[in-house]
Amino acid sequence: MNGFSVMLLLAQTGSKPAGPGFGGAMLPALMFAMIAFMLLSSRSQKKREKRERDEMYARMSKNDRVQTAGGVIGIVHAVKANEVVLKVDETTNTKMTFLKSSVIKIITDDQTTETAKS
């Protein structure tokens, strides 16, 4: 069927062809809203994680037990601007220097007892 015959058929039935209208514009708007929401929520989550990490570095002090990203567990001997000196062996008094950013958590007594119960 060519365009003329379609128009003739529509003229005889009295109906109008369905255009993209409101329903066609709804899908791109919904997709845009979802993408914007995901970007904003991930951005706020990153801000929160950075704030929590900075707070952990600020409260880290001598004699805290910490774990590094590499899995090393040690006791904080000294905290410097960007570095942390950890005592990793009590018997030989071995100390290692790490970047602050490599410390992933401060181990508390509560976490130690939970691990012992498991």
N, C-alpha and C. Protein backbone atom coordinates (compact mmCIF):
# COMPACT_ATOMS: atom_id res chain seq x y z
N MET A 1 0.85 -1.18 0.00
CA MET A 1 0.00 0.00 0.00
C MET A 1 0.89 1.24 0.00
N ASN A 2 0.50 2.19 -0.82
CA ASN A 2 1.26 3.42 -0.85
C ASN A 2 0.62 4.44 0.10
N GLY A 3 1.24 5.57 0.26
CA GLY A 3 0.78 6.59 1.20
C GLY A 3 -0.60 7.12 0.87
N PHE A 4 -0.89 7.24 -0.42
CA PHE A 4 -2.20 7.76 -0.82
C PHE A 4 -3.32 6.83 -0.41
N SER A 5 -3.12 5.53 -0.60
CA SER A 5 -4.17 4.57 -0.26
C SER A 5 -4.39 4.50 1.24
N VAL A 6 -3.32 4.68 2.04
CA VAL A 6 -3.46 4.70 3.50
C VAL A 6 -4.27 5.92 3.92
N MET A 7 -3.97 7.07 3.32
CA MET A 7 -4.73 8.28 3.66
C MET A 7 -6.18 8.16 3.25
N LEU A 8 -6.42 7.54 2.12
CA LEU A 8 -7.78 7.34 1.64
C LEU A 8 -8.54 6.42 2.58
N LEU A 9 -7.88 5.35 3.04
CA LEU A 9 -8.50 4.42 3.98
C LEU A 9 -8.82 5.11 5.29
N LEU A 10 -7.90 5.95 5.77
CA LEU A 10 -8.13 6.69 7.02
C LEU A 10 -9.25 7.70 6.86
N ALA A 11 -9.33 8.33 5.72
CA ALA A 11 -10.39 9.31 5.47
C ALA A 11 -11.75 8.63 5.47
N GLN A 12 -11.83 7.40 4.97
CA GLN A 12 -13.09 6.68 4.92
C GLN A 12 -13.52 6.22 6.30
N THR A 13 -12.56 5.81 7.14
CA THR A 13 -12.93 5.31 8.47
C THR A 13 -13.11 6.45 9.46
N GLY A 14 -12.51 7.61 9.22
CA GLY A 14 -12.69 8.76 10.10
C GLY A 14 -11.74 8.77 11.28
N SER A 15 -10.73 7.90 11.29
CA SER A 15 -9.78 7.90 12.41
C SER A 15 -8.49 8.59 12.00
N LYS A 16 -7.72 8.99 12.98
CA LYS A 16 -6.45 9.67 12.74
C LYS A 16 -5.31 8.70 13.05
N PRO A 17 -4.21 8.81 12.35
CA PRO A 17 -3.07 7.94 12.66
C PRO A 17 -2.46 8.31 14.01
N ALA A 18 -2.03 7.29 14.74
CA ALA A 18 -1.43 7.52 16.05
C ALA A 18 -0.02 8.05 15.86
N GLY A 19 0.29 9.21 16.44
CA GLY A 19 1.62 9.79 16.35
C GLY A 19 2.42 9.48 17.60
N PRO A 20 3.63 9.92 17.65
CA PRO A 20 4.47 9.63 18.81
C PRO A 20 3.99 10.33 20.07
N GLY A 21 3.29 11.42 20.01
CA GLY A 21 2.63 12.10 21.12
C GLY A 21 3.29 11.99 22.49
N PHE A 22 2.50 11.94 23.53
CA PHE A 22 2.96 11.95 24.92
C PHE A 22 3.67 10.65 25.29
N GLY A 23 3.15 9.54 24.84
CA GLY A 23 3.75 8.25 25.16
C GLY A 23 5.14 8.09 24.59
N GLY A 24 5.38 8.64 23.42
CA GLY A 24 6.69 8.54 22.80
C GLY A 24 7.74 9.39 23.50
N ALA A 25 7.34 10.47 24.12
CA ALA A 25 8.28 11.35 24.82
C ALA A 25 8.52 10.87 26.25
N MET A 26 7.65 10.01 26.73
CA MET A 26 7.75 9.55 28.12
C MET A 26 8.97 8.65 28.35
N LEU A 27 9.25 7.76 27.42
CA LEU A 27 10.35 6.82 27.59
C LEU A 27 11.71 7.51 27.69
N PRO A 28 12.07 8.41 26.78
CA PRO A 28 13.37 9.10 26.93
C PRO A 28 13.45 9.93 28.22
N ALA A 29 12.34 10.55 28.61
CA ALA A 29 12.35 11.35 29.84
C ALA A 29 12.57 10.45 31.05
N LEU A 30 11.94 9.29 31.06
CA LEU A 30 12.11 8.35 32.16
C LEU A 30 13.55 7.82 32.21
N MET A 31 14.11 7.52 31.07
CA MET A 31 15.50 7.04 31.03
C MET A 31 16.47 8.12 31.51
N PHE A 32 16.24 9.35 31.10
CA PHE A 32 17.08 10.46 31.55
C PHE A 32 16.99 10.63 33.06
N ALA A 33 15.79 10.53 33.61
CA ALA A 33 15.60 10.68 35.06
C ALA A 33 16.32 9.56 35.81
N MET A 34 16.26 8.34 35.30
CA MET A 34 16.94 7.23 35.97
C MET A 34 18.45 7.40 35.96
N ILE A 35 18.99 7.83 34.83
CA ILE A 35 20.44 8.04 34.73
C ILE A 35 20.88 9.16 35.67
N ALA A 36 20.12 10.25 35.72
CA ALA A 36 20.45 11.36 36.61
C ALA A 36 20.42 10.91 38.06
N PHE A 37 19.42 10.12 38.44
CA PHE A 37 19.32 9.62 39.81
C PHE A 37 20.51 8.74 40.16
N MET A 38 20.90 7.85 39.25
CA MET A 38 22.04 6.97 39.52
C MET A 38 23.33 7.76 39.67
N LEU A 39 23.54 8.76 38.83
CA LEU A 39 24.75 9.58 38.93
C LEU A 39 24.80 10.35 40.24
N LEU A 40 23.68 10.95 40.62
CA LEU A 40 23.65 11.73 41.86
C LEU A 40 23.80 10.85 43.08
N SER A 41 23.17 9.68 43.08
CA SER A 41 23.28 8.82 44.26
C SER A 41 24.69 8.24 44.40
N SER A 42 25.34 7.91 43.29
CA SER A 42 26.70 7.38 43.39
C SER A 42 27.66 8.49 43.84
N ARG A 43 27.41 9.70 43.41
CA ARG A 43 28.25 10.82 43.83
C ARG A 43 28.13 11.07 45.33
N SER A 44 26.91 11.03 45.86
CA SER A 44 26.72 11.26 47.29
C SER A 44 27.29 10.11 48.10
N GLN A 45 27.24 8.89 47.56
CA GLN A 45 27.82 7.75 48.26
C GLN A 45 29.34 7.88 48.33
N LYS A 46 29.96 8.32 47.25
CA LYS A 46 31.42 8.51 47.25
C LYS A 46 31.82 9.59 48.24
N LYS A 47 31.03 10.67 48.31
CA LYS A 47 31.33 11.73 49.28
C LYS A 47 31.26 11.20 50.71
N ARG A 48 30.22 10.39 50.99
CA ARG A 48 30.06 9.85 52.33
C ARG A 48 31.22 8.92 52.69
N GLU A 49 31.63 8.05 51.75
CA GLU A 49 32.74 7.14 52.00
C GLU A 49 34.04 7.91 52.23
N LYS A 50 34.28 8.97 51.48
CA LYS A 50 35.49 9.78 51.65
C LYS A 50 35.48 10.46 53.02
N ARG A 51 34.32 10.98 53.42
CA ARG A 51 34.20 11.63 54.72
C ARG A 51 34.47 10.62 55.85
N GLU A 52 33.91 9.40 55.74
CA GLU A 52 34.14 8.38 56.76
C GLU A 52 35.61 7.97 56.82
N ARG A 53 36.26 7.85 55.66
CA ARG A 53 37.67 7.48 55.61
C ARG A 53 38.53 8.58 56.24
N ASP A 54 38.23 9.85 55.92
CA ASP A 54 38.98 10.96 56.50
C ASP A 54 38.81 11.02 58.02
N GLU A 55 37.59 10.73 58.50
CA GLU A 55 37.35 10.70 59.94
C GLU A 55 38.15 9.58 60.61
N MET A 56 38.25 8.41 59.93
CA MET A 56 39.02 7.30 60.48
C MET A 56 40.50 7.69 60.58
N TYR A 57 41.03 8.33 59.53
CA TYR A 57 42.43 8.76 59.57
C TYR A 57 42.66 9.79 60.68
N ALA A 58 41.69 10.67 60.91
CA ALA A 58 41.83 11.71 61.93
C ALA A 58 41.84 11.11 63.33
N ARG A 59 41.06 10.05 63.56
CA ARG A 59 41.00 9.49 64.92
C ARG A 59 42.03 8.38 65.16
N MET A 60 42.78 8.00 64.10
CA MET A 60 43.81 6.98 64.25
C MET A 60 44.93 7.54 65.13
N SER A 61 45.30 6.77 66.15
CA SER A 61 46.34 7.24 67.06
C SER A 61 47.25 6.08 67.46
N LYS A 62 48.27 6.41 68.22
CA LYS A 62 49.25 5.43 68.66
C LYS A 62 48.55 4.33 69.46
N ASN A 63 49.01 3.10 69.28
CA ASN A 63 48.52 1.89 69.94
C ASN A 63 47.18 1.38 69.41
N ASP A 64 46.66 1.96 68.31
CA ASP A 64 45.48 1.41 67.65
C ASP A 64 45.91 0.21 66.83
N ARG A 65 45.05 -0.78 66.77
CA ARG A 65 45.31 -1.95 65.93
C ARG A 65 44.59 -1.73 64.61
N VAL A 66 45.32 -1.84 63.49
CA VAL A 66 44.75 -1.53 62.17
C VAL A 66 45.05 -2.66 61.18
N GLN A 67 44.27 -2.65 60.09
CA GLN A 67 44.50 -3.58 58.99
C GLN A 67 44.74 -2.77 57.73
N THR A 68 45.74 -3.18 56.95
CA THR A 68 46.04 -2.50 55.69
C THR A 68 45.34 -3.21 54.53
N ALA A 69 45.36 -2.57 53.38
CA ALA A 69 44.74 -3.15 52.19
C ALA A 69 45.43 -4.45 51.78
N GLY A 70 46.69 -4.59 52.10
CA GLY A 70 47.43 -5.81 51.78
C GLY A 70 47.21 -6.93 52.77
N GLY A 71 46.44 -6.68 53.82
CA GLY A 71 46.15 -7.71 54.81
C GLY A 71 47.07 -7.71 56.01
N VAL A 72 47.99 -6.77 56.09
CA VAL A 72 48.91 -6.68 57.21
C VAL A 72 48.16 -6.08 58.40
N ILE A 73 48.25 -6.75 59.55
CA ILE A 73 47.65 -6.24 60.78
C ILE A 73 48.78 -5.83 61.70
N GLY A 74 48.69 -4.63 62.23
CA GLY A 74 49.75 -4.14 63.11
C GLY A 74 49.22 -3.11 64.08
N ILE A 75 50.09 -2.69 64.96
CA ILE A 75 49.76 -1.69 65.97
C ILE A 75 50.44 -0.39 65.56
N VAL A 76 49.67 0.69 65.59
CA VAL A 76 50.20 1.99 65.18
C VAL A 76 51.28 2.42 66.16
N HIS A 77 52.45 2.72 65.62
CA HIS A 77 53.56 3.21 66.44
C HIS A 77 53.66 4.72 66.31
N ALA A 78 53.44 5.25 65.10
CA ALA A 78 53.50 6.69 64.87
C ALA A 78 52.60 7.04 63.69
N VAL A 79 52.01 8.23 63.78
CA VAL A 79 51.18 8.74 62.68
C VAL A 79 51.83 10.02 62.19
N LYS A 80 52.13 10.06 60.89
CA LYS A 80 52.73 11.24 60.28
C LYS A 80 51.71 11.85 59.32
N ALA A 81 52.11 12.83 58.54
CA ALA A 81 51.18 13.53 57.64
C ALA A 81 50.49 12.58 56.67
N ASN A 82 51.26 11.80 55.91
CA ASN A 82 50.69 10.88 54.93
C ASN A 82 51.10 9.43 55.19
N GLU A 83 51.80 9.19 56.29
CA GLU A 83 52.32 7.86 56.57
C GLU A 83 51.93 7.39 57.95
N VAL A 84 51.94 6.06 58.10
CA VAL A 84 51.68 5.43 59.39
C VAL A 84 52.77 4.39 59.60
N VAL A 85 53.39 4.41 60.77
CA VAL A 85 54.40 3.41 61.11
C VAL A 85 53.71 2.36 61.97
N LEU A 86 53.73 1.10 61.49
CA LEU A 86 53.08 0.01 62.20
C LEU A 86 54.11 -0.94 62.77
N LYS A 87 53.86 -1.39 63.98
CA LYS A 87 54.66 -2.44 64.59
C LYS A 87 53.96 -3.74 64.23
N VAL A 88 54.63 -4.58 63.42
CA VAL A 88 53.99 -5.78 62.89
C VAL A 88 54.43 -7.07 63.59
N ASP A 89 55.52 -7.00 64.37
CA ASP A 89 55.98 -8.20 65.08
C ASP A 89 56.49 -7.79 66.46
N GLU A 90 55.88 -8.35 67.49
CA GLU A 90 56.25 -8.01 68.86
C GLU A 90 57.61 -8.59 69.26
N THR A 91 57.91 -9.79 68.82
CA THR A 91 59.13 -10.45 69.29
C THR A 91 60.40 -9.79 68.74
N THR A 92 60.39 -9.39 67.48
CA THR A 92 61.58 -8.77 66.89
C THR A 92 61.44 -7.25 66.79
N ASN A 93 60.33 -6.71 67.26
CA ASN A 93 60.07 -5.27 67.25
C ASN A 93 60.16 -4.69 65.83
N THR A 94 59.62 -5.45 64.86
CA THR A 94 59.65 -5.04 63.46
C THR A 94 58.62 -3.97 63.19
N LYS A 95 59.07 -2.88 62.55
CA LYS A 95 58.18 -1.78 62.20
C LYS A 95 58.20 -1.58 60.69
N MET A 96 57.04 -1.25 60.14
CA MET A 96 56.93 -0.98 58.71
C MET A 96 56.18 0.33 58.52
N THR A 97 56.54 1.05 57.47
CA THR A 97 55.89 2.32 57.16
C THR A 97 54.93 2.11 55.99
N PHE A 98 53.70 2.58 56.16
CA PHE A 98 52.67 2.48 55.13
C PHE A 98 52.10 3.86 54.86
N LEU A 99 51.52 4.03 53.68
CA LEU A 99 50.74 5.24 53.41
C LEU A 99 49.45 5.17 54.22
N LYS A 100 48.96 6.31 54.65
CA LYS A 100 47.69 6.33 55.39
C LYS A 100 46.57 5.73 54.56
N SER A 101 46.61 5.97 53.25
CA SER A 101 45.54 5.49 52.38
C SER A 101 45.49 3.97 52.29
N SER A 102 46.55 3.27 52.70
CA SER A 102 46.52 1.81 52.66
C SER A 102 45.83 1.21 53.88
N VAL A 103 45.59 2.00 54.92
CA VAL A 103 44.87 1.51 56.09
C VAL A 103 43.39 1.50 55.76
N ILE A 104 42.78 0.30 55.88
CA ILE A 104 41.36 0.20 55.51
C ILE A 104 40.43 0.18 56.71
N LYS A 105 40.95 -0.25 57.89
CA LYS A 105 40.08 -0.20 59.07
C LYS A 105 40.88 -0.25 60.34
N ILE A 106 40.27 0.29 61.38
CA ILE A 106 40.81 0.22 62.73
C ILE A 106 40.10 -0.95 63.40
N ILE A 107 40.86 -1.90 63.89
CA ILE A 107 40.28 -3.09 64.52
C ILE A 107 40.03 -2.78 65.99
N THR A 108 38.78 -2.94 66.39
CA THR A 108 38.41 -2.70 67.78
C THR A 108 38.29 -4.03 68.51
N ASP A 109 38.13 -3.98 69.82
CA ASP A 109 37.97 -5.19 70.62
C ASP A 109 36.69 -5.94 70.24
N ASP A 110 35.65 -5.20 69.84
CA ASP A 110 34.39 -5.83 69.45
C ASP A 110 34.59 -6.71 68.22
N GLN A 111 35.35 -6.26 67.24
CA GLN A 111 35.60 -7.02 66.02
C GLN A 111 36.46 -8.25 66.32
N THR A 112 37.38 -8.13 67.27
CA THR A 112 38.25 -9.24 67.63
C THR A 112 37.44 -10.36 68.30
N THR A 113 36.52 -10.01 69.18
CA THR A 113 35.71 -11.02 69.87
C THR A 113 34.73 -11.68 68.92
N GLU A 114 34.21 -10.95 67.93
CA GLU A 114 33.32 -11.54 66.93
C GLU A 114 34.06 -12.58 66.11
N THR A 115 35.30 -12.31 65.75
CA THR A 115 36.09 -13.25 64.97
C THR A 115 36.42 -14.48 65.79
N ALA A 116 36.67 -14.32 67.07
CA ALA A 116 37.00 -15.44 67.95
C ALA A 116 35.79 -16.36 68.13
N LYS A 117 34.59 -15.80 68.13
CA LYS A 117 33.38 -16.61 68.31
C LYS A 117 33.08 -17.45 67.08
N SER A 118 33.47 -16.99 65.92
CA SER A 118 33.15 -17.68 64.66
C SER A 118 33.88 -18.99 64.51
